[in-house]
PDB file of N, CA and C in Angstrom:
ATOM      1  N   UNK A   1     -22.701  -8.247  10.237  1.00  0.00           N
ATOM      2  CA  UNK A   1     -21.784  -7.479  10.572  1.00  0.00           C
ATOM      3  C   UNK A   1     -20.356  -8.527  10.465  1.00  0.00           C
ATOM      4  N   UNK A   2     -20.533 -10.117  10.093  1.00  0.00           N
ATOM      5  CA  UNK A   2     -19.401 -10.660  10.013  1.00  0.00           C
ATOM      6  C   UNK A   2     -18.864 -10.418   8.558  1.00  0.00           C
ATOM      7  N   UNK A   3     -19.657 -10.141   7.573  1.00  0.00           N
ATOM      8  CA  UNK A   3     -19.472 -10.182   6.164  1.00  0.00           C
ATOM      9  C   UNK A   3     -18.651  -8.683   6.004  1.00  0.00           C
ATOM     10  N   UNK A   4     -18.904  -7.596   6.739  1.00  0.00           N
ATOM     11  CA  UNK A   4     -18.280  -6.291   6.593  1.00  0.00           C
ATOM     12  C   UNK A   4     -16.863  -6.402   7.190  1.00  0.00           C
ATOM     13  N   UNK A   5     -16.307  -7.177   8.609  1.00  0.00           N
ATOM     14  CA  UNK A   5     -15.486  -7.285   8.832  1.00  0.00           C
ATOM     15  C   UNK A   5     -14.693  -8.301   7.851  1.00  0.00           C
ATOM     16  N   UNK A   6     -15.006  -9.047   7.616  1.00  0.00           N
ATOM     17  CA  UNK A   6     -14.411 -10.170   6.567  1.00  0.00           C
ATOM     18  C   UNK A   6     -13.804  -9.121   5.407  1.00  0.00           C
ATOM     19  N   UNK A   7     -14.787  -8.530   4.967  1.00  0.00           N
ATOM     20  CA  UNK A   7     -14.613  -7.841   3.682  1.00  0.00           C
ATOM     21  C   UNK A   7     -13.227  -6.571   3.908  1.00  0.00           C
ATOM     22  N   UNK A   8     -13.490  -6.120   5.203  1.00  0.00           N
ATOM     23  CA  UNK A   8     -12.475  -5.456   5.333  1.00  0.00           C
ATOM     24  C   UNK A   8     -11.100  -6.018   5.657  1.00  0.00           C
ATOM     25  N   UNK A   9     -11.091  -6.737   6.292  1.00  0.00           N
ATOM     26  CA  UNK A   9      -9.875  -7.953   6.474  1.00  0.00           C
ATOM     27  C   UNK A   9      -9.075  -8.199   4.915  1.00  0.00           C
ATOM     28  N   UNK A  10     -10.034  -8.775   3.981  1.00  0.00           N
ATOM     29  CA  UNK A  10      -9.556  -8.981   2.701  1.00  0.00           C
ATOM     30  C   UNK A  10      -9.051  -7.654   2.203  1.00  0.00           C
ATOM     31  N   UNK A  11      -9.811  -6.541   2.179  1.00  0.00           N
ATOM     32  CA  UNK A  11      -9.279  -5.234   1.581  1.00  0.00           C
ATOM     33  C   UNK A  11      -8.092  -4.901   2.061  1.00  0.00           C
ATOM     34  N   UNK A  12      -7.976  -4.841   3.179  1.00  0.00           N
ATOM     35  CA  UNK A  12      -6.377  -4.584   3.847  1.00  0.00           C
ATOM     36  C   UNK A  12      -5.436  -5.355   2.932  1.00  0.00           C
ATOM     37  N   UNK A  13      -5.810  -6.859   3.202  1.00  0.00           N
ATOM     38  CA  UNK A  13      -4.946  -7.855   2.588  1.00  0.00           C
ATOM     39  C   UNK A  13      -4.307  -7.526   1.183  1.00  0.00           C
ATOM     40  N   UNK A  14      -5.677  -7.106   0.539  1.00  0.00           N
ATOM     41  CA  UNK A  14      -5.215  -6.406  -0.982  1.00  0.00           C
ATOM     42  C   UNK A  14      -4.606  -5.285  -1.186  1.00  0.00           C
ATOM     43  N   UNK A  15      -4.639  -4.312   0.136  1.00  0.00           N
ATOM     44  CA  UNK A  15      -4.197  -3.113   0.153  1.00  0.00           C
ATOM     45  C   UNK A  15      -2.570  -3.476   0.511  1.00  0.00           C
ATOM     46  N   UNK A  16      -2.271  -4.401   1.424  1.00  0.00           N
ATOM     47  CA  UNK A  16      -0.800  -4.433   1.751  1.00  0.00           C
ATOM     48  C   UNK A  16      -0.085  -5.333   0.477  1.00  0.00           C
ATOM     49  N   UNK A  17      -0.736  -5.748  -0.114  1.00  0.00           N
ATOM     50  CA  UNK A  17      -0.328  -6.723  -1.590  1.00  0.00           C
ATOM     51  C   UNK A  17       0.078  -5.762  -2.535  1.00  0.00           C
ATOM     52  N   UNK A  18      -0.858  -4.558  -2.943  1.00  0.00           N
ATOM     53  CA  UNK A  18      -0.672  -3.555  -3.966  1.00  0.00           C
ATOM     54  C   UNK A  18       0.468  -2.789  -3.669  1.00  0.00           C
ATOM     55  N   UNK A  19       0.119  -2.382  -2.028  1.00  0.00           N
ATOM     56  CA  UNK A  19       1.534  -1.667  -1.752  1.00  0.00           C
ATOM     57  C   UNK A  19       2.857  -2.130  -1.918  1.00  0.00           C
ATOM     58  N   UNK A  20       3.076  -3.559  -1.895  1.00  0.00           N
ATOM     59  CA  UNK A  20       4.363  -4.225  -1.630  1.00  0.00           C
ATOM     60  C   UNK A  20       4.803  -4.120  -3.560  1.00  0.00           C
ATOM     61  N   UNK A  21       3.647  -4.400  -4.341  1.00  0.00           N
ATOM     62  CA  UNK A  21       3.734  -3.991  -5.908  1.00  0.00           C
ATOM     63  C   UNK A  21       4.242  -2.907  -6.069  1.00  0.00           C
ATOM     64  N   UNK A  22       3.963  -1.686  -5.548  1.00  0.00           N
ATOM     65  CA  UNK A  22       4.263  -0.613  -5.546  1.00  0.00           C
ATOM     66  C   UNK A  22       5.586  -0.158  -5.256  1.00  0.00           C
ATOM     67  N   UNK A  23       5.862  -0.457  -4.080  1.00  0.00           N
ATOM     68  CA  UNK A  23       7.111  -0.370  -3.401  1.00  0.00           C
ATOM     69  C   UNK A  23       8.149  -0.779  -4.243  1.00  0.00           C
ATOM     70  N   UNK A  24       7.954  -2.322  -4.558  1.00  0.00           N
ATOM     71  CA  UNK A  24       9.065  -3.058  -5.680  1.00  0.00           C
ATOM     72  C   UNK A  24       9.368  -2.228  -6.883  1.00  0.00           C
ATOM     73  N   UNK A  25       8.215  -1.854  -7.521  1.00  0.00           N
ATOM     74  CA  UNK A  25       8.200  -0.549  -8.521  1.00  0.00           C
ATOM     75  C   UNK A  25       9.224   0.343  -8.362  1.00  0.00           C
ATOM     76  N   UNK A  26       9.003   1.241  -7.196  1.00  0.00           N
ATOM     77  CA  UNK A  26       9.546   2.251  -6.670  1.00  0.00           C
ATOM     78  C   UNK A  26      11.141   2.018  -6.615  1.00  0.00           C
ATOM     79  N   UNK A  27      11.294   0.887  -5.954  1.00  0.00           N
ATOM     80  CA  UNK A  27      13.050   0.521  -5.762  1.00  0.00           C
ATOM     81  C   UNK A  27      13.558   0.248  -7.253  1.00  0.00           C
ATOM     82  N   UNK A  28      12.725  -0.588  -8.021  1.00  0.00           N
ATOM     83  CA  UNK A  28      13.231  -0.648  -9.223  1.00  0.00           C
ATOM     84  C   UNK A  28      13.576   0.613 -10.130  1.00  0.00           C
ATOM     85  N   UNK A  29      12.688   1.374 -10.160  1.00  0.00           N
ATOM     86  CA  UNK A  29      12.886   2.782 -10.753  1.00  0.00           C
ATOM     87  C   UNK A  29      14.216   3.666 -10.254  1.00  0.00           C
ATOM     88  N   UNK A  30      14.365   3.572  -8.892  1.00  0.00           N
ATOM     89  CA  UNK A  30      15.124   4.514  -8.458  1.00  0.00           C
ATOM     90  C   UNK A  30      16.598   3.615  -8.536  1.00  0.00           C
ATOM     91  N   UNK A  31      16.588   2.479  -8.791  1.00  0.00           N
ATOM     92  CA  UNK A  31      17.915   1.909  -8.745  1.00  0.00           C
ATOM     93  C   UNK A  31      18.323   1.668 -10.610  1.00  0.00           C
ATOM     94  N   UNK A  32      17.188   2.060 -11.394  1.00  0.00           N
ATOM     95  CA  UNK A  32      17.587   2.285 -12.545  1.00  0.00           C
ATOM     96  C   UNK A  32      18.091   3.569 -13.018  1.00  0.00           C
ATOM     97  N   UNK A  33      17.468   4.499 -12.123  1.00  0.00           N
ATOM     98  CA  UNK A  33      17.933   5.800 -12.095  1.00  0.00           C
ATOM     99  C   UNK A  33      19.417   6.116 -11.683  1.00  0.00           C
ATOM    100  N   UNK A  34      20.063   5.214 -11.144  1.00  0.00           N
ATOM    101  CA  UNK A  34      21.314   5.372 -10.723  1.00  0.00           C
ATOM    102  C   UNK A  34      21.562   5.526  -9.224  1.00  0.00           C
ATOM    103  N   UNK A  35      20.617   5.349  -8.262  1.00  0.00           N
ATOM    104  CA  UNK A  35      20.628   5.743  -6.930  1.00  0.00           C
ATOM    105  C   UNK A  35      21.283   4.626  -6.203  1.00  0.00           C
ATOM    106  N   UNK A  36      21.644   5.013  -5.117  1.00  0.00           N
ATOM    107  CA  UNK A  36      22.108   4.203  -3.990  1.00  0.00           C
ATOM    108  C   UNK A  36      21.114   3.130  -3.476  1.00  0.00           C
ATOM    109  N   UNK A  37      21.473   1.739  -3.090  1.00  0.00           N
ATOM    110  CA  UNK A  37      20.679   1.219  -2.792  1.00  0.00           C
ATOM    111  C   UNK A  37      19.874   1.697  -1.354  1.00  0.00           C
ATOM    112  N   UNK A  38      20.552   2.372  -0.374  1.00  0.00           N
ATOM    113  CA  UNK A  38      19.787   2.973   0.707  1.00  0.00           C
ATOM    114  C   UNK A  38      19.046   3.864   0.279  1.00  0.00           C
ATOM    115  N   UNK A  39      19.129   4.728  -0.528  1.00  0.00           N
ATOM    116  CA  UNK A  39      18.248   5.559  -1.179  1.00  0.00           C
ATOM    117  C   UNK A  39      16.981   5.034  -2.064  1.00  0.00           C
ATOM    118  N   UNK A  40      17.362   3.986  -2.303  1.00  0.00           N
ATOM    119  CA  UNK A  40      16.381   3.263  -3.508  1.00  0.00           C
ATOM    120  C   UNK A  40      15.406   2.482  -2.104  1.00  0.00           C
ATOM    121  N   UNK A  41      15.796   2.091  -1.228  1.00  0.00           N
ATOM    122  CA  UNK A  41      14.725   1.420  -0.181  1.00  0.00           C
ATOM    123  C   UNK A  41      14.078   2.267   0.366  1.00  0.00           C
ATOM    124  N   UNK A  42      14.505   3.857   0.554  1.00  0.00           N
ATOM    125  CA  UNK A  42      13.961   4.703   1.055  1.00  0.00           C
ATOM    126  C   UNK A  42      12.723   5.081   0.479  1.00  0.00           C
ATOM    127  N   UNK A  43      13.056   4.930  -0.860  1.00  0.00           N
ATOM    128  CA  UNK A  43      12.151   5.205  -1.821  1.00  0.00           C
ATOM    129  C   UNK A  43      10.705   4.131  -1.800  1.00  0.00           C
ATOM    130  N   UNK A  44      11.305   2.861  -1.813  1.00  0.00           N
ATOM    131  CA  UNK A  44      10.459   2.050  -1.787  1.00  0.00           C
ATOM    132  C   UNK A  44       9.804   1.888  -0.091  1.00  0.00           C
ATOM    133  N   UNK A  45      10.229   2.155   0.697  1.00  0.00           N
ATOM    134  CA  UNK A  45       9.655   1.936   2.077  1.00  0.00           C
ATOM    135  C   UNK A  45       8.528   3.385   1.731  1.00  0.00           C
ATOM    136  N   UNK A  46       8.808   4.622   1.469  1.00  0.00           N
ATOM    137  CA  UNK A  46       8.157   5.521   1.218  1.00  0.00           C
ATOM    138  C   UNK A  46       6.724   5.094   0.631  1.00  0.00           C
ATOM    139  N   UNK A  47       6.984   4.633  -0.663  1.00  0.00           N
ATOM    140  CA  UNK A  47       6.057   4.399  -1.417  1.00  0.00           C
ATOM    141  C   UNK A  47       5.065   3.313  -0.678  1.00  0.00           C
ATOM    142  N   UNK A  48       5.418   2.381  -0.075  1.00  0.00           N
ATOM    143  CA  UNK A  48       4.712   1.094   0.827  1.00  0.00           C
ATOM    144  C   UNK A  48       3.930   1.955   1.446  1.00  0.00           C
ATOM    145  N   UNK A  49       4.756   2.833   2.490  1.00  0.00           N
ATOM    146  CA  UNK A  49       3.842   3.474   3.744  1.00  0.00           C
ATOM    147  C   UNK A  49       2.819   4.717   3.165  1.00  0.00           C
ATOM    148  N   UNK A  50       3.005   5.241   2.202  1.00  0.00           N
ATOM    149  CA  UNK A  50       2.074   6.089   1.213  1.00  0.00           C
ATOM    150  C   UNK A  50       0.752   5.035   0.761  1.00  0.00           C
ATOM    151  N   UNK A  51       1.065   4.481  -0.094  1.00  0.00           N
ATOM    152  CA  UNK A  51      -0.100   3.722  -0.932  1.00  0.00           C
ATOM    153  C   UNK A  51      -0.832   2.786   0.596  1.00  0.00           C
ATOM    154  N   UNK A  52      -0.180   2.149   1.208  1.00  0.00           N
ATOM    155  CA  UNK A  52      -1.204   1.408   2.480  1.00  0.00           C
ATOM    156  C   UNK A  52      -1.814   2.357   3.374  1.00  0.00           C
ATOM    157  N   UNK A  53      -0.990   3.397   3.489  1.00  0.00           N
ATOM    158  CA  UNK A  53      -2.246   4.438   4.280  1.00  0.00           C
ATOM    159  C   UNK A  53      -3.421   5.001   3.248  1.00  0.00           C
ATOM    160  N   UNK A  54      -2.969   4.919   2.323  1.00  0.00           N
ATOM    161  CA  UNK A  54      -4.183   5.469   1.379  1.00  0.00           C
ATOM    162  C   UNK A  54      -5.395   4.388   0.915  1.00  0.00           C
ATOM    163  N   UNK A  55      -4.746   3.166   1.268  1.00  0.00           N
ATOM    164  CA  UNK A  55      -5.520   2.080   0.774  1.00  0.00           C
ATOM    165  C   UNK A  55      -6.646   1.738   1.947  1.00  0.00           C
ATOM    166  N   UNK A  56      -5.871   2.021   3.042  1.00  0.00           N
ATOM    167  CA  UNK A  56      -6.704   2.137   4.527  1.00  0.00           C
ATOM    168  C   UNK A  56      -7.709   3.007   4.646  1.00  0.00           C
ATOM    169  N   UNK A  57      -7.334   4.394   4.153  1.00  0.00           N
ATOM    170  CA  UNK A  57      -8.139   5.395   4.268  1.00  0.00           C
ATOM    171  C   UNK A  57      -9.586   5.225   3.588  1.00  0.00           C
ATOM    172  N   UNK A  58      -9.313   4.826   2.133  1.00  0.00           N
ATOM    173  CA  UNK A  58     -10.275   4.543   1.258  1.00  0.00           C
ATOM    174  C   UNK A  58     -10.914   3.343   1.781  1.00  0.00           C
ATOM    175  N   UNK A  59     -10.521   2.420   2.275  1.00  0.00           N
ATOM    176  CA  UNK A  59     -11.646   1.271   2.908  1.00  0.00           C
ATOM    177  C   UNK A  59     -12.096   1.487   3.981  1.00  0.00           C
ATOM    178  N   UNK A  60     -11.508   2.326   4.814  1.00  0.00           N
ATOM    179  CA  UNK A  60     -12.264   2.581   6.037  1.00  0.00           C
ATOM    180  C   UNK A  60     -13.615   4.156   5.608  1.00  0.00           C
ATOM    181  N   UNK A  61     -13.355   4.778   4.630  1.00  0.00           N
ATOM    182  CA  UNK A  61     -14.324   5.618   4.249  1.00  0.00           C
ATOM    183  C   UNK A  61     -15.599   4.836   3.364  1.00  0.00           C
ATOM    184  N   UNK A  62     -15.160   3.679   2.824  1.00  0.00           N
ATOM    185  CA  UNK A  62     -15.938   2.980   2.024  1.00  0.00           C
ATOM    186  C   UNK A  62     -16.972   2.219   3.221  1.00  0.00           C
ATOM    187  N   UNK A  63     -16.113   1.759   4.015  1.00  0.00           N
ATOM    188  CA  UNK A  63     -16.962   0.768   5.214  1.00  0.00           C
ATOM    189  C   UNK A  63     -17.854   1.831   6.171  1.00  0.00           C
ATOM    190  N   UNK A  64     -17.387   3.123   6.097  1.00  0.00           N
ATOM    191  CA  UNK A  64     -18.167   3.973   6.769  1.00  0.00           C
ATOM    192  C   UNK A  64     -19.342   4.644   6.131  1.00  0.00           C
ATOM    193  N   UNK A  65     -19.263   4.448   4.687  1.00  0.00           N
ATOM    194  CA  UNK A  65     -20.614   5.105   3.714  1.00  0.00           C
ATOM    195  C   UNK A  65     -21.429   4.050   3.706  1.00  0.00           C
ATOM    196  N   UNK A  66     -21.235   2.722   3.945  1.00  0.00           N
ATOM    197  CA  UNK A  66     -21.726   1.775   3.780  1.00  0.00           C
ATOM    198  C   UNK A  66     -22.668   1.176   5.162  1.00  0.00           C
ATOM    199  N   UNK A  67     -22.372   2.003   6.008  1.00  0.00           N
ATOM    200  CA  UNK A  67     -23.303   1.774   7.133  1.00  0.00           C
ATOM    201  C   UNK A  67     -22.677   1.645   8.281  1.00  0.00           C
TER     202      UNK A  67
END
């Protein structure tokens, strides 16, 4: 039980890190496209929320499938 909990915590940590990278990339692409800073922040925040939600969903499904 402890190993599954530790794996889930590490997995969520990686999901947050990956989400931050995707958010930074979305912000940079929006700025390069000529959008305003506020619009770029919205793109970055949307990308962060979407990827984080998807990552946690996948981790939850993997944990449920494991037992």
